[in-house]
Amino acid sequence: MLFQKYEKLFSGSFFLLIGILLATQINKIKITNISMDSRLLPIIVVSILSVIGLLLVIEGIVEIIKQKNLNSTKLNFGQITKKNIKNILCCFLITVLFVYLLPIFGFIISGSMLLFGIILTLTPKGKQYKRENIIYYFLFLSVAITTGIYFLFVKIFLILLPRGNIWP
């Protein structure tokens, strides 16, 4: 209950923590002489994460002040079911498979497989979805997003992504 009640404060703190951790690692990036500095994109990402985290923390503090109810200290993270644990483990295994297949197949194929697997794993299994038809949509969506990310980094940011060993 506490986690749900103060979710903005917790998520904002998480974003701030990730931003701080990433900011400490930016100095380890080697500077290259490509069209732009190789540290520019990480600095932009860290800045965005930090601003989002700060805004969420401020919004969470404003909600706490409005409620003035700090008496409940019992943490409740919701129900942990076998299905949730299975989904988490499946996403972890898909990510490990992605890391293993990235040098072999390259970013587009491996990224599409990663995104397709995670979307398929985390989609609710209800009657509102016809599994036969939606799988093609998920496949198209994962290939389109991965290809778009690839061209964004290669053509606009001029950052090379892995092509894999199966390409000539």
Foldseek 3Di string as FASTA:
>chain_A
DVCVLLVLQVVLVVLLVVLVVLVVCLVVDDFDDDPDTPSVVSVVVSVVSNVSSVVSNVVSVVSCVVVVDPPDDDDDPDDDDPLNVVLVVQLVVLVVVLVVCCQAAHQLVSQLSSQLSNCVSPDDDDPVDDVVVVSVVSSVVSNVVSVVVQCCCCPPVVHHTRRHDVDD
